[in-house]
Amino acid sequence: MDLLCNAYSNSSDEESEPKREPEYQPVIPPPLKRFKPEIPSQNIRTEAPVSGRYISKRERALSAQSSQVPNPEKKTNPNPNHPAVTSPVLGSISDSEIPRDVLSSLRQANSRVSLSQIPKRRAVDLRSHTKAVNALHWSPSHAHLLASAGMDQTVCVWNVWSRDQKIARVFRCHNAAVKDVKWSPQGLSVLFCGYDCASRLIDVEKGIETQIFKEDQVVGVIKFCPDNSNIFLSGGSKGRLRLWDIRSGMVVHEYIRGLDPVLDVEFTINGKQFISSSDVSGSNVSENSIIVWDVSRQVPLSNQVYVEAYTCPSVRCHPFEPCFVAQSNANYIAIFSSSPPFRLDKYKRYESHGVSGFPIKCNFSLDGEKLVSGSSDGSIYFYNYRSSVLVRKIKAYEQACIDVVFHPVLPNVIASCSWNGDVSVFE
């Protein structure tokens, strides 16, 4: 009787005080509650699946759900198109390292327009590229800086007259050869393109990639619009020409004529038309070798500008007059009118240099009175624009001289590059 009373007393105490734990463990424990996780991925096996093992439908469903659950411990880049620093600071991009006489010449030349002069000597050798250099471009706003694009997958920025380190930046954003490079008119940014099917905009001062413009083709050439620095044109291996807006990162217009690779593009002086050059050697149709396009209407104004069976790796507009020139693989430079009907001048050509299948470029001087061209024999050729007479020839390299560009301020300075990776400045 005493035992029954004690048991009754204990049970009544448990009901009045439900939070009180018993002083002893029951002989038979209560059944455990089954735990249901909120995130199914926590119960999924993490080891690698055994080859040939059967995977149930439930296990496949849980695996699919786990792939959609974000991992809070993994830090992701909020914008994968804007990676971290792409180039270490190798040297200064400031003009404070430039000798006083050169800096004084740069500042004085900015205030006046000088007649072009032919350089007399090699002043600076710039060596970093290990393979052919495809393109050069002087900075229009920071005239002591030069950019070069190479087949070694790099873009180099040179502080040409620096007394210390001449190479300031080396960008290795591309996973393949770089075909072209252009400075942005807006300041210390360069745009370059290549075999990895993309164009990339780089902040040179910070050494970071700010934008990437991906395509479905190898991008061989780029050009900024002369009257809008936010717009650039790209041409590629599938014959597609695209007009991009940097602000939105989107294609504004697309120009499609054929599947022949685009070799070069050039805007006319007013920016309302542009000229494209294509490799038509595979299609046996020479009429599309050079096409003049209307920018806004996206239609060709003429596709029978150059009907000879030769490709033209370079086209350049005269800085003042309504005409343009095209470098022909027939080993001469042809000249055309940039007004309808875009006729070829059959009585004038520049033909002392050689092309021989190399992507040889040509360029006008600041005043438009000189036309300079690289050559397959490694020399630089200077022509009088009006008479087409060869004025001077400078032996620069043992291999082909690919590109030659006049300085944007100093009338007696040019930069050139070669097929073996050398970059030089002549004064």
Protein backbone atom coordinates (compact mmCIF):
# COMPACT_ATOMS: atom_id res chain seq x y z
CA MET A 1 0.00 0.00 0.00
CA ASP A 2 2.83 2.40 0.84
CA LEU A 3 4.44 1.69 -2.56
CA LEU A 4 1.21 2.46 -4.42
CA CYS A 5 0.78 5.73 -2.51
CA ASN A 6 4.33 6.77 -3.32
CA ALA A 7 3.84 5.98 -7.02
CA TYR A 8 0.60 7.96 -7.11
CA SER A 9 2.29 10.86 -5.33
CA ASN A 10 5.15 10.89 -7.87
CA SER A 11 2.79 10.85 -10.89
CA SER A 12 0.76 13.74 -9.50
CA ASP A 13 3.95 15.76 -8.95
CA GLU A 14 4.97 15.20 -12.60
CA GLU A 15 1.64 16.51 -13.84
CA SER A 16 1.83 19.65 -11.68
CA GLU A 17 5.46 20.30 -12.61
CA PRO A 18 5.88 19.21 -16.26
CA LYS A 19 9.28 20.92 -16.71
CA ARG A 20 10.95 19.02 -13.90
CA GLU A 21 13.24 16.23 -15.10
CA PRO A 22 12.95 12.85 -13.41
CA GLU A 23 15.72 11.82 -11.08
CA TYR A 24 16.18 8.54 -12.89
CA GLN A 25 16.08 7.26 -16.48
CA PRO A 26 13.11 5.07 -17.33
CA VAL A 27 13.84 1.51 -18.04
CA ILE A 28 12.26 1.71 -21.52
CA PRO A 29 13.18 4.96 -23.31
CA PRO A 30 10.52 6.78 -25.37
CA PRO A 31 10.72 6.45 -29.18
CA LEU A 32 13.00 8.99 -30.83
CA LYS A 33 11.49 11.61 -33.15
CA ARG A 34 12.67 11.47 -36.72
CA PHE A 35 14.69 14.56 -37.73
CA LYS A 36 13.62 16.20 -40.99
CA PRO A 37 16.27 18.58 -42.34
CA GLU A 38 15.19 21.83 -43.94
CA ILE A 39 17.94 21.60 -46.57
CA PRO A 40 17.96 18.21 -48.27
CA SER A 41 21.57 18.64 -49.36
CA GLN A 42 22.77 18.11 -45.76
CA ASN A 43 21.91 14.39 -45.91
CA ILE A 44 23.31 13.73 -49.40
CA ARG A 45 26.32 11.53 -49.66
CA THR A 46 29.43 13.55 -50.46
CA GLU A 47 31.69 10.73 -51.58
CA ALA A 48 32.15 10.10 -55.28
CA PRO A 49 29.58 7.70 -56.75
CA VAL A 50 30.72 4.20 -57.51
CA SER A 51 30.87 3.47 -61.22
CA GLY A 52 27.92 1.32 -62.32
CA ARG A 53 25.99 1.72 -59.01
CA TYR A 54 22.24 2.18 -59.32
CA ILE A 55 21.03 5.66 -58.27
CA SER A 56 17.44 5.79 -57.11
CA LYS A 57 14.94 8.39 -58.28
CA ARG A 58 14.81 9.98 -54.80
CA GLU A 59 18.60 10.25 -54.64
CA ARG A 60 18.69 11.89 -58.08
CA ALA A 61 16.03 14.40 -56.98
CA LEU A 62 17.97 15.27 -53.84
CA SER A 63 21.16 15.72 -55.85
CA ALA A 64 19.38 18.10 -58.21
CA GLN A 65 18.07 20.14 -55.27
CA SER A 66 21.48 20.30 -53.63
CA SER A 67 23.02 21.76 -56.78
CA GLN A 68 20.62 24.70 -56.52
CA VAL A 69 21.30 25.41 -52.86
CA PRO A 70 23.96 28.13 -52.49
CA ASN A 71 26.95 27.45 -50.31
CA PRO A 72 27.25 30.36 -47.84
CA GLU A 73 30.89 29.58 -47.16
CA LYS A 74 31.92 30.01 -50.81
CA LYS A 75 32.54 33.64 -51.74
CA THR A 76 31.53 34.32 -55.32
CA ASN A 77 32.49 37.27 -57.47
CA PRO A 78 29.38 39.46 -57.82
CA ASN A 79 30.40 40.18 -61.41
CA PRO A 80 32.41 37.38 -63.04
CA ASN A 81 33.18 39.63 -66.01
CA HIS A 82 35.17 41.97 -63.77
CA PRO A 83 37.98 39.92 -62.27
CA ALA A 84 40.65 41.12 -59.90
CA VAL A 85 43.89 42.84 -60.87
CA THR A 86 45.16 41.50 -64.18
CA SER A 87 48.55 43.21 -64.27
CA PRO A 88 51.12 44.00 -61.60
CA VAL A 89 52.54 47.50 -61.51
CA LEU A 90 55.86 47.08 -63.30
CA GLY A 91 56.61 50.76 -63.85
CA SER A 92 55.13 54.22 -63.66
CA ILE A 93 52.64 55.52 -66.20
CA SER A 94 53.21 59.09 -65.04
CA ASP A 95 55.09 61.60 -67.18
CA SER A 96 57.18 62.60 -64.15
CA GLU A 97 59.81 60.02 -65.20
CA ILE A 98 60.24 61.62 -68.63
CA PRO A 99 63.33 63.79 -69.32
CA ARG A 100 62.62 67.51 -69.32
CA ASP A 101 63.45 68.08 -72.97
CA VAL A 102 61.01 65.37 -74.13
CA LEU A 103 58.29 66.56 -71.76
CA SER A 104 58.77 70.13 -72.98
CA SER A 105 58.46 68.98 -76.60
CA LEU A 106 55.24 67.12 -75.81
CA ARG A 107 53.67 70.16 -74.17
CA GLN A 108 54.76 72.61 -76.84
CA ALA A 109 53.59 70.37 -79.67
CA ASN A 110 50.14 70.16 -78.08
CA SER A 111 49.68 73.88 -78.61
CA ARG A 112 50.53 73.97 -82.34
CA VAL A 113 50.13 71.98 -85.52
CA SER A 114 53.45 70.99 -87.08
CA LEU A 115 54.30 69.62 -90.48
CA SER A 116 55.24 65.98 -90.50
CA GLN A 117 58.90 65.07 -90.49
CA ILE A 118 60.67 61.83 -91.28
CA PRO A 119 62.58 60.37 -88.32
CA LYS A 120 66.32 59.87 -88.73
CA ARG A 121 67.39 57.39 -86.04
CA ARG A 122 66.19 54.59 -83.79
CA ALA A 123 65.80 56.16 -80.36
CA VAL A 124 64.21 53.49 -78.14
CA ASP A 125 64.00 49.69 -78.25
CA LEU A 126 61.14 48.12 -76.27
CA ARG A 127 61.51 44.39 -75.63
CA SER A 128 59.04 42.18 -73.79
CA HIS A 129 57.02 40.29 -76.41
CA THR A 130 58.23 36.78 -77.21
CA LYS A 131 56.24 36.41 -80.45
CA ALA A 132 55.02 38.60 -83.30
CA VAL A 133 53.48 41.98 -82.45
CA ASN A 134 50.24 42.57 -84.38
CA ALA A 135 49.33 46.18 -83.56
CA LEU A 136 50.51 49.42 -81.94
CA HIS A 137 48.60 52.47 -80.70
CA TRP A 138 49.74 55.71 -79.05
CA SER A 139 47.56 57.13 -76.29
CA PRO A 140 45.84 60.29 -77.60
CA SER A 141 45.46 61.79 -74.12
CA HIS A 142 48.74 60.59 -72.54
CA ALA A 143 51.13 60.85 -75.46
CA HIS A 144 54.08 59.30 -73.63
CA LEU A 145 52.29 55.92 -73.45
CA LEU A 146 52.30 53.28 -76.19
CA ALA A 147 50.30 50.04 -76.27
CA SER A 148 51.29 46.89 -78.18
CA ALA A 149 49.35 43.65 -78.82
CA GLY A 150 51.17 40.38 -79.44
CA MET A 151 50.78 36.78 -80.46
CA ASP A 152 52.23 35.83 -77.04
CA GLN A 153 48.79 36.52 -75.48
CA THR A 154 49.91 39.80 -73.89
CA VAL A 155 49.26 43.53 -74.21
CA CYS A 156 52.10 45.77 -73.08
CA VAL A 157 51.82 49.41 -72.05
CA TRP A 158 55.10 51.30 -72.45
CA ASN A 159 56.22 54.53 -70.82
CA VAL A 160 58.42 55.16 -73.83
CA TRP A 161 60.75 57.89 -72.57
CA SER A 162 60.88 56.88 -68.92
CA ARG A 163 64.36 57.04 -67.39
CA ASP A 164 63.51 54.10 -65.14
CA GLN A 165 61.28 51.17 -66.16
CA LYS A 166 59.92 51.58 -69.69
CA ILE A 167 57.38 48.76 -69.50
CA ALA A 168 54.62 49.93 -67.18
CA ARG A 169 51.97 47.18 -67.49
CA VAL A 170 51.65 43.70 -69.00
CA PHE A 171 48.09 42.41 -69.36
CA ARG A 172 47.47 38.70 -69.80
CA CYS A 173 43.66 38.64 -69.82
CA HIS A 174 43.38 36.68 -73.05
CA ASN A 175 43.92 32.93 -73.23
CA ALA A 176 45.04 33.22 -76.85
CA ALA A 177 46.88 35.59 -79.17
CA VAL A 178 45.88 39.28 -79.12
CA LYS A 179 45.08 40.75 -82.54
CA ASP A 180 44.40 44.45 -82.00
CA VAL A 181 44.62 47.17 -79.33
CA LYS A 182 43.17 50.68 -79.12
CA TRP A 183 43.35 53.38 -76.46
CA SER A 184 40.00 54.75 -75.36
CA PRO A 185 39.56 58.46 -76.20
CA GLN A 186 38.21 58.90 -72.66
CA GLY A 187 41.50 58.42 -70.82
CA LEU A 188 43.67 55.70 -69.32
CA SER A 189 41.81 52.68 -70.69
CA VAL A 190 42.73 50.27 -73.49
CA LEU A 191 40.48 48.02 -75.52
CA PHE A 192 41.92 44.90 -77.09
CA CYS A 193 40.66 41.77 -78.82
CA GLY A 194 41.92 38.39 -79.92
CA TYR A 195 41.54 34.72 -80.63
CA ASP A 196 39.58 34.02 -77.42
CA CYS A 197 36.44 35.50 -79.08
CA ALA A 198 36.22 38.58 -76.86
CA SER A 199 37.10 42.26 -76.59
CA ARG A 200 38.23 43.52 -73.19
CA LEU A 201 38.34 47.01 -71.71
CA ILE A 202 41.14 47.55 -69.18
CA ASP A 203 41.71 50.33 -66.67
CA VAL A 204 45.46 50.86 -67.14
CA GLU A 205 45.96 52.92 -63.99
CA LYS A 206 44.32 50.33 -61.70
CA GLY A 207 45.40 47.34 -63.75
CA ILE A 208 41.95 45.73 -63.78
CA GLU A 209 39.52 44.53 -66.41
CA THR A 210 36.37 46.65 -66.33
CA GLN A 211 34.31 45.13 -69.17
CA ILE A 212 34.29 42.16 -71.50
CA PHE A 213 32.40 41.89 -74.79
CA LYS A 214 32.04 38.24 -75.80
CA GLU A 215 31.36 37.07 -79.35
CA ASP A 216 30.88 33.86 -81.32
CA GLN A 217 33.93 34.52 -83.51
CA VAL A 218 37.60 35.35 -83.29
CA VAL A 219 37.75 39.16 -83.01
CA GLY A 220 40.46 40.46 -85.30
CA VAL A 221 39.99 44.24 -85.31
CA ILE A 222 38.40 47.01 -83.21
CA LYS A 223 37.91 50.73 -83.79
CA PHE A 224 36.39 53.54 -81.70
CA CYS A 225 33.83 55.82 -83.31
CA PRO A 226 35.41 59.26 -83.95
CA ASP A 227 32.39 61.26 -82.75
CA ASN A 228 31.33 59.04 -79.81
CA SER A 229 33.96 57.51 -77.53
CA ASN A 230 31.36 55.16 -75.99
CA ILE A 231 30.88 53.34 -79.31
CA PHE A 232 33.29 50.92 -80.94
CA LEU A 233 33.19 48.61 -83.94
CA SER A 234 34.47 45.03 -84.02
CA GLY A 235 35.07 42.62 -86.88
CA GLY A 236 35.76 38.91 -86.74
CA SER A 237 36.52 35.61 -88.38
CA LYS A 238 32.91 34.82 -89.34
CA GLY A 239 32.47 38.07 -91.25
CA ARG A 240 30.25 39.68 -88.62
CA LEU A 241 30.65 43.39 -87.87
CA ARG A 242 29.18 44.62 -84.59
CA LEU A 243 28.72 48.12 -83.19
CA TRP A 244 29.01 48.05 -79.37
CA ASP A 245 27.93 50.55 -76.72
CA ILE A 246 30.34 50.48 -73.76
CA ARG A 247 27.77 52.01 -71.40
CA SER A 248 25.33 49.13 -71.79
CA GLY A 249 27.77 46.45 -72.91
CA MET A 250 25.33 45.54 -75.68
CA VAL A 251 25.41 45.37 -79.48
CA VAL A 252 23.76 48.42 -81.04
CA HIS A 253 23.94 47.33 -84.69
CA GLU A 254 25.14 44.26 -86.55
CA TYR A 255 26.33 44.25 -90.15
CA ILE A 256 26.28 40.93 -92.02
CA ARG A 257 27.33 40.51 -95.61
CA GLY A 258 29.08 37.14 -95.83
CA LEU A 259 31.17 34.62 -93.96
CA ASP A 260 34.55 35.98 -95.04
CA PRO A 261 36.89 37.00 -92.18
CA VAL A 262 37.10 40.74 -91.52
CA LEU A 263 40.68 42.03 -91.78
CA ASP A 264 40.27 45.72 -90.94
CA VAL A 265 37.71 48.48 -90.35
CA GLU A 266 37.94 52.26 -90.55
CA PHE A 267 35.44 55.05 -89.86
CA THR A 268 35.20 57.95 -92.27
CA ILE A 269 35.93 61.48 -91.02
CA ASN A 270 32.31 62.29 -90.17
CA GLY A 271 31.68 58.91 -88.52
CA LYS A 272 28.54 58.28 -90.60
CA GLN A 273 30.14 55.56 -92.72
CA PHE A 274 32.80 52.97 -92.21
CA ILE A 275 34.93 50.83 -94.49
CA SER A 276 35.54 47.13 -93.99
CA SER A 277 38.12 44.87 -95.60
CA SER A 278 37.56 41.11 -95.82
CA ASP A 279 39.54 38.05 -96.82
CA VAL A 280 37.69 36.85 -99.91
CA SER A 281 40.42 34.48 -101.10
CA GLY A 282 38.38 31.45 -100.06
CA SER A 283 35.17 32.48 -101.84
CA ASN A 284 36.64 33.60 -105.18
CA VAL A 285 34.36 36.65 -105.12
CA SER A 286 36.53 39.75 -105.15
CA GLU A 287 33.67 42.27 -105.17
CA ASN A 288 33.22 42.04 -101.39
CA SER A 289 36.88 42.64 -100.59
CA ILE A 290 36.20 46.26 -99.56
CA ILE A 291 32.73 47.42 -98.52
CA VAL A 292 31.56 50.91 -97.55
CA TRP A 293 28.75 50.79 -94.97
CA ASP A 294 26.14 53.23 -93.71
CA VAL A 295 26.43 53.15 -89.92
CA SER A 296 22.84 53.95 -89.00
CA ARG A 297 21.03 52.08 -91.78
CA GLN A 298 23.21 48.95 -91.50
CA VAL A 299 23.38 48.56 -95.28
CA PRO A 300 26.36 48.54 -97.66
CA LEU A 301 26.66 51.65 -99.81
CA SER A 302 29.04 49.86 -102.17
CA ASN A 303 30.61 46.41 -102.32
CA GLN A 304 32.42 46.82 -105.66
CA VAL A 305 35.08 49.26 -104.53
CA TYR A 306 38.05 46.97 -105.17
CA VAL A 307 37.46 44.17 -107.65
CA GLU A 308 40.97 42.82 -108.03
CA ALA A 309 41.67 39.32 -106.72
CA TYR A 310 43.77 40.44 -103.75
CA THR A 311 42.95 40.86 -100.08
CA CYS A 312 43.64 44.14 -98.26
CA PRO A 313 44.92 43.70 -94.68
CA SER A 314 44.70 47.42 -93.87
CA VAL A 315 42.46 50.40 -94.74
CA ARG A 316 43.04 54.01 -93.60
CA CYS A 317 41.13 57.26 -94.17
CA HIS A 318 42.95 60.48 -94.90
CA PRO A 319 42.70 62.83 -91.88
CA PHE A 320 41.34 65.75 -93.95
CA GLU A 321 40.59 64.84 -97.54
CA PRO A 322 37.68 62.67 -98.80
CA CYS A 323 39.71 59.59 -99.65
CA PHE A 324 41.08 56.39 -98.15
CA VAL A 325 43.86 53.93 -98.92
CA ALA A 326 43.99 50.15 -98.81
CA GLN A 327 47.07 47.97 -98.39
CA SER A 328 46.89 45.28 -101.06
CA ASN A 329 48.56 41.89 -101.05
CA ALA A 330 49.58 42.74 -104.61
CA ASN A 331 52.46 44.70 -102.95
CA TYR A 332 51.06 48.21 -103.32
CA ILE A 333 48.74 50.67 -101.60
CA ALA A 334 45.65 51.70 -103.59
CA ILE A 335 43.76 54.97 -103.10
CA PHE A 336 39.99 55.47 -103.36
CA SER A 337 37.47 58.25 -103.06
CA SER A 338 35.46 58.14 -99.80
CA SER A 339 32.48 59.78 -101.53
CA PRO A 340 30.06 57.94 -103.84
CA PRO A 341 30.74 56.12 -106.08
CA PHE A 342 33.97 55.34 -104.14
CA ARG A 343 36.16 55.05 -107.21
CA LEU A 344 39.66 53.64 -107.37
CA ASP A 345 42.33 56.07 -108.55
CA LYS A 346 43.90 54.04 -111.37
CA TYR A 347 46.68 56.56 -111.92
CA LYS A 348 48.16 56.64 -108.43
CA ARG A 349 49.53 53.89 -106.20
CA TYR A 350 52.31 53.44 -103.65
CA GLU A 351 54.35 50.41 -104.66
CA SER A 352 57.93 50.12 -103.45
CA HIS A 353 57.34 47.94 -100.38
CA GLY A 354 56.26 44.31 -100.09
CA VAL A 355 53.36 42.59 -98.32
CA SER A 356 53.83 38.90 -99.22
CA GLY A 357 50.86 37.66 -97.19
CA PHE A 358 51.79 39.40 -93.91
CA PRO A 359 49.20 41.63 -92.15
CA ILE A 360 51.17 44.77 -93.06
CA LYS A 361 49.56 48.05 -91.98
CA CYS A 362 49.86 51.61 -93.27
CA ASN A 363 49.09 55.00 -91.68
CA PHE A 364 48.90 58.72 -92.47
CA SER A 365 50.90 61.42 -90.73
CA LEU A 366 49.14 64.06 -88.64
CA ASP A 367 49.06 66.59 -91.48
CA GLY A 368 48.20 63.93 -94.07
CA GLU A 369 51.23 64.71 -96.23
CA LYS A 370 53.08 61.45 -95.55
CA LEU A 371 51.98 57.84 -95.88
CA VAL A 372 54.05 55.22 -94.04
CA SER A 373 53.95 51.46 -94.43
CA GLY A 374 55.64 48.41 -93.01
CA SER A 375 57.07 45.80 -95.32
CA SER A 376 57.80 42.10 -95.56
CA ASP A 377 61.52 42.87 -95.91
CA GLY A 378 61.65 44.44 -92.42
CA SER A 379 61.90 48.04 -93.65
CA ILE A 380 59.76 51.15 -93.10
CA TYR A 381 58.70 53.01 -96.24
CA PHE A 382 57.75 56.73 -96.29
CA TYR A 383 55.75 58.03 -99.27
CA ASN A 384 54.72 61.50 -100.31
CA TYR A 385 50.94 61.32 -100.20
CA ARG A 386 50.31 63.65 -103.16
CA SER A 387 52.93 62.39 -105.58
CA SER A 388 53.11 58.76 -104.34
CA VAL A 389 56.91 59.02 -104.58
CA LEU A 390 59.03 57.06 -102.10
CA VAL A 391 60.73 59.60 -99.84
CA ARG A 392 62.75 57.38 -97.50
CA LYS A 393 63.33 53.77 -96.59
CA ILE A 394 64.60 52.71 -93.14
CA LYS A 395 65.82 49.18 -92.51
CA ALA A 396 64.34 48.35 -89.11
CA TYR A 397 64.19 44.54 -88.63
CA GLU A 398 65.39 41.27 -90.04
CA GLN A 399 61.83 39.95 -90.21
CA ALA A 400 58.66 41.64 -91.49
CA CYS A 401 57.71 45.06 -90.14
CA ILE A 402 54.00 44.71 -89.34
CA ASP A 403 52.76 48.08 -88.08
CA VAL A 404 54.02 51.68 -88.16
CA VAL A 405 52.19 54.53 -86.40
CA PHE A 406 52.90 58.25 -86.24
CA HIS A 407 52.97 59.91 -82.83
CA PRO A 408 49.76 61.86 -82.10
CA VAL A 409 51.66 65.00 -81.04
CA LEU A 410 55.31 64.91 -82.09
CA PRO A 411 55.59 65.13 -85.91
CA ASN A 412 59.01 63.47 -86.13
CA VAL A 413 58.29 60.37 -84.02
CA ILE A 414 56.98 56.97 -85.14
CA ALA A 415 56.63 53.57 -83.46
CA SER A 416 57.00 50.27 -85.29
CA CYS A 417 56.82 46.55 -84.53
CA SER A 418 58.03 43.37 -86.14
CA TRP A 419 57.13 39.73 -86.70
CA ASN A 420 59.83 38.64 -84.24
CA GLY A 421 58.34 40.64 -81.31
CA ASP A 422 60.46 43.82 -81.34
CA VAL A 423 58.95 47.27 -80.74
CA SER A 424 60.94 50.37 -81.64
CA VAL A 425 60.56 54.15 -81.56
CA PHE A 426 62.26 56.32 -84.20
CA GLU A 427 62.93 60.05 -83.90
